[in-house]
Amino acid sequence: ANNQNGRHTIILLQNSPSRATRTFMDYDSIGQAIDGLLFLFE
């Protein structure tokens, strides 16, 4: 992966106005994050 520098990409989500729906997804690269985000909308 592209994680040689200890970097990672975090996507923050909130599915409704309720703060209880806040969550996050952590990925090793931007490419993996984009793939994960696209998967949510397929």
PDB file of N, CA and C in Angstrom:
ATOM      1  N   ALA A   1       0.844  -1.201   0.000  1.00  0.00           N
ATOM      2  CA  ALA A   1       0.000   0.000   0.000  1.00  0.00           C
ATOM      3  C   ALA A   1       0.874   1.245   0.000  1.00  0.00           C
ATOM      4  N   ASN A   2       0.242   2.391  -0.036  1.00  0.00           N
ATOM      5  CA  ASN A   2       0.962   3.663  -0.040  1.00  0.00           C
ATOM      6  C   ASN A   2       1.148   4.194   1.373  1.00  0.00           C
ATOM      7  N   ASN A   3       1.454   3.336   2.307  1.00  0.00           N
ATOM      8  CA  ASN A   3       1.471   3.720   3.712  1.00  0.00           C
ATOM      9  C   ASN A   3       2.883   3.784   4.273  1.00  0.00           C
ATOM     10  N   GLN A   4       3.897   4.055   3.447  1.00  0.00           N
ATOM     11  CA  GLN A   4       5.274   4.056   3.924  1.00  0.00           C
ATOM     12  C   GLN A   4       5.530   5.150   4.957  1.00  0.00           C
ATOM     13  N   ASN A   5       4.842   6.257   4.884  1.00  0.00           N
ATOM     14  CA  ASN A   5       5.073   7.377   5.791  1.00  0.00           C
ATOM     15  C   ASN A   5       4.119   7.378   6.978  1.00  0.00           C
ATOM     16  N   GLY A   6       3.402   6.288   7.189  1.00  0.00           N
ATOM     17  CA  GLY A   6       2.437   6.233   8.270  1.00  0.00           C
ATOM     18  C   GLY A   6       1.203   7.073   8.003  1.00  0.00           C
ATOM     19  N   ARG A   7       1.009   7.473   6.759  1.00  0.00           N
ATOM     20  CA  ARG A   7      -0.158   8.280   6.412  1.00  0.00           C
ATOM     21  C   ARG A   7      -1.347   7.387   6.122  1.00  0.00           C
ATOM     22  N   HIS A   8      -2.508   7.936   6.340  1.00  0.00           N
ATOM     23  CA  HIS A   8      -3.733   7.233   6.005  1.00  0.00           C
ATOM     24  C   HIS A   8      -4.811   8.254   5.701  1.00  0.00           C
ATOM     25  N   THR A   9      -5.918   7.785   5.180  1.00  0.00           N
ATOM     26  CA  THR A   9      -7.026   8.652   4.789  1.00  0.00           C
ATOM     27  C   THR A   9      -8.248   8.263   5.601  1.00  0.00           C
ATOM     28  N   ILE A  10      -8.908   9.251   6.175  1.00  0.00           N
ATOM     29  CA  ILE A  10     -10.108   9.021   6.979  1.00  0.00           C
ATOM     30  C   ILE A  10     -11.289   9.703   6.294  1.00  0.00           C
ATOM     31  N   ILE A  11     -12.379   8.971   6.151  1.00  0.00           N
ATOM     32  CA  ILE A  11     -13.629   9.539   5.643  1.00  0.00           C
ATOM     33  C   ILE A  11     -14.586   9.643   6.824  1.00  0.00           C
ATOM     34  N   LEU A  12     -15.115  10.840   7.035  1.00  0.00           N
ATOM     35  CA  LEU A  12     -16.084  11.079   8.105  1.00  0.00           C
ATOM     36  C   LEU A  12     -17.480  11.108   7.500  1.00  0.00           C
ATOM     37  N   LEU A  13     -18.405  10.399   8.135  1.00  0.00           N
ATOM     38  CA  LEU A  13     -19.775  10.313   7.627  1.00  0.00           C
ATOM     39  C   LEU A  13     -20.771  10.672   8.714  1.00  0.00           C
ATOM     40  N   GLN A  14     -21.856  11.307   8.293  1.00  0.00           N
ATOM     41  CA  GLN A  14     -23.008  11.540   9.161  1.00  0.00           C
ATOM     42  C   GLN A  14     -24.232  11.377   8.281  1.00  0.00           C
ATOM     43  N   ASN A  15     -24.991  10.299   8.494  1.00  0.00           N
ATOM     44  CA  ASN A  15     -26.088   9.924   7.600  1.00  0.00           C
ATOM     45  C   ASN A  15     -27.384  10.690   7.818  1.00  0.00           C
ATOM     46  N   SER A  16     -27.496  11.409   8.910  1.00  0.00           N
ATOM     47  CA  SER A  16     -28.709  12.177   9.193  1.00  0.00           C
ATOM     48  C   SER A  16     -28.320  13.352  10.091  1.00  0.00           C
ATOM     49  N   PRO A  17     -29.256  14.249  10.376  1.00  0.00           N
ATOM     50  CA  PRO A  17     -28.921  15.365  11.271  1.00  0.00           C
ATOM     51  C   PRO A  17     -28.509  14.923  12.687  1.00  0.00           C
ATOM     52  N   SER A  18     -28.854  13.703  13.057  1.00  0.00           N
ATOM     53  CA  SER A  18     -28.528  13.204  14.391  1.00  0.00           C
ATOM     54  C   SER A  18     -27.031  12.939  14.526  1.00  0.00           C
ATOM     55  N   ARG A  19     -26.424  13.491  15.559  1.00  0.00           N
ATOM     56  CA  ARG A  19     -25.000  13.257  15.803  1.00  0.00           C
ATOM     57  C   ARG A  19     -24.713  11.782  16.089  1.00  0.00           C
ATOM     58  N   ALA A  20     -25.717  11.028  16.486  1.00  0.00           N
ATOM     59  CA  ALA A  20     -25.532   9.606  16.787  1.00  0.00           C
ATOM     60  C   ALA A  20     -25.167   8.804  15.542  1.00  0.00           C
ATOM     61  N   THR A  21     -25.405   9.361  14.355  1.00  0.00           N
ATOM     62  CA  THR A  21     -25.096   8.636  13.118  1.00  0.00           C
ATOM     63  C   THR A  21     -23.675   8.919  12.627  1.00  0.00           C
ATOM     64  N   ARG A  22     -22.906   9.680  13.371  1.00  0.00           N
ATOM     65  CA  ARG A  22     -21.536   9.982  12.950  1.00  0.00           C
ATOM     66  C   ARG A  22     -20.672   8.731  13.036  1.00  0.00           C
ATOM     67  N   THR A  23     -19.870   8.538  12.002  1.00  0.00           N
ATOM     68  CA  THR A  23     -18.950   7.409  11.978  1.00  0.00           C
ATOM     69  C   THR A  23     -17.769   7.769  11.088  1.00  0.00           C
ATOM     70  N   PHE A  24     -16.788   6.876  11.010  1.00  0.00           N
ATOM     71  CA  PHE A  24     -15.646   7.126  10.144  1.00  0.00           C
ATOM     72  C   PHE A  24     -15.152   5.818   9.553  1.00  0.00           C
ATOM     73  N   MET A  25     -14.406   5.952   8.457  1.00  0.00           N
ATOM     74  CA  MET A  25     -13.743   4.809   7.829  1.00  0.00           C
ATOM     75  C   MET A  25     -12.291   5.212   7.616  1.00  0.00           C
ATOM     76  N   ASP A  26     -11.373   4.311   7.893  1.00  0.00           N
ATOM     77  CA  ASP A  26      -9.939   4.583   7.825  1.00  0.00           C
ATOM     78  C   ASP A  26      -9.318   3.721   6.733  1.00  0.00           C
ATOM     79  N   TYR A  27      -8.545   4.334   5.845  1.00  0.00           N
ATOM     80  CA  TYR A  27      -7.929   3.625   4.718  1.00  0.00           C
ATOM     81  C   TYR A  27      -6.443   3.944   4.647  1.00  0.00           C
ATOM     82  N   ASP A  28      -5.684   3.045   4.030  1.00  0.00           N
ATOM     83  CA  ASP A  28      -4.243   3.226   3.874  1.00  0.00           C
ATOM     84  C   ASP A  28      -3.879   4.192   2.758  1.00  0.00           C
ATOM     85  N   SER A  29      -4.793   4.455   1.830  1.00  0.00           N
ATOM     86  CA  SER A  29      -4.483   5.340   0.705  1.00  0.00           C
ATOM     87  C   SER A  29      -5.744   6.060   0.244  1.00  0.00           C
ATOM     88  N   ILE A  30      -5.543   7.115  -0.525  1.00  0.00           N
ATOM     89  CA  ILE A  30      -6.678   7.854  -1.079  1.00  0.00           C
ATOM     90  C   ILE A  30      -7.453   6.964  -2.050  1.00  0.00           C
ATOM     91  N   GLY A  31      -6.735   6.167  -2.839  1.00  0.00           N
ATOM     92  CA  GLY A  31      -7.400   5.267  -3.785  1.00  0.00           C
ATOM     93  C   GLY A  31      -8.327   4.291  -3.091  1.00  0.00           C
ATOM     94  N   GLN A  32      -7.859   3.719  -1.982  1.00  0.00           N
ATOM     95  CA  GLN A  32      -8.703   2.794  -1.223  1.00  0.00           C
ATOM     96  C   GLN A  32      -9.902   3.529  -0.631  1.00  0.00           C
ATOM     97  N   ALA A  33      -9.700   4.762  -0.189  1.00  0.00           N
ATOM     98  CA  ALA A  33     -10.799   5.547   0.378  1.00  0.00           C
ATOM     99  C   ALA A  33     -11.863   5.826  -0.679  1.00  0.00           C
ATOM    100  N   ILE A  34     -11.430   6.171  -1.886  1.00  0.00           N
ATOM    101  CA  ILE A  34     -12.386   6.426  -2.968  1.00  0.00           C
ATOM    102  C   ILE A  34     -13.161   5.156  -3.290  1.00  0.00           C
ATOM    103  N   ASP A  35     -12.466   4.024  -3.355  1.00  0.00           N
ATOM    104  CA  ASP A  35     -13.150   2.753  -3.605  1.00  0.00           C
ATOM    105  C   ASP A  35     -14.181   2.472  -2.515  1.00  0.00           C
ATOM    106  N   GLY A  36     -13.825   2.708  -1.254  1.00  0.00           N
ATOM    107  CA  GLY A  36     -14.742   2.485  -0.143  1.00  0.00           C
ATOM    108  C   GLY A  36     -15.947   3.399  -0.212  1.00  0.00           C
ATOM    109  N   LEU A  37     -15.722   4.651  -0.586  1.00  0.00           N
ATOM    110  CA  LEU A  37     -16.817   5.609  -0.698  1.00  0.00           C
ATOM    111  C   LEU A  37     -17.749   5.236  -1.843  1.00  0.00           C
ATOM    112  N   LEU A  38     -17.185   4.846  -2.982  1.00  0.00           N
ATOM    113  CA  LEU A  38     -18.014   4.426  -4.112  1.00  0.00           C
ATOM    114  C   LEU A  38     -18.848   3.204  -3.754  1.00  0.00           C
ATOM    115  N   PHE A  39     -18.271   2.283  -2.982  1.00  0.00           N
ATOM    116  CA  PHE A  39     -18.986   1.074  -2.574  1.00  0.00           C
ATOM    117  C   PHE A  39     -20.251   1.430  -1.790  1.00  0.00           C
ATOM    118  N   LEU A  40     -20.198   2.491  -0.982  1.00  0.00           N
ATOM    119  CA  LEU A  40     -21.367   2.904  -0.194  1.00  0.00           C
ATOM    120  C   LEU A  40     -22.534   3.343  -1.066  1.00  0.00           C
ATOM    121  N   PHE A  41     -22.243   3.870  -2.250  1.00  0.00           N
ATOM    122  CA  PHE A  41     -23.284   4.435  -3.099  1.00  0.00           C
ATOM    123  C   PHE A  41     -23.680   3.528  -4.251  1.00  0.00           C
ATOM    124  N   GLU A  42     -23.092   2.343  -4.334  1.00  0.00           N
ATOM    125  CA  GLU A  42     -23.465   1.406  -5.407  1.00  0.00           C
ATOM    126  C   GLU A  42     -24.686   0.613  -5.019  1.00  0.00           C
TER     127      GLU A  42
END
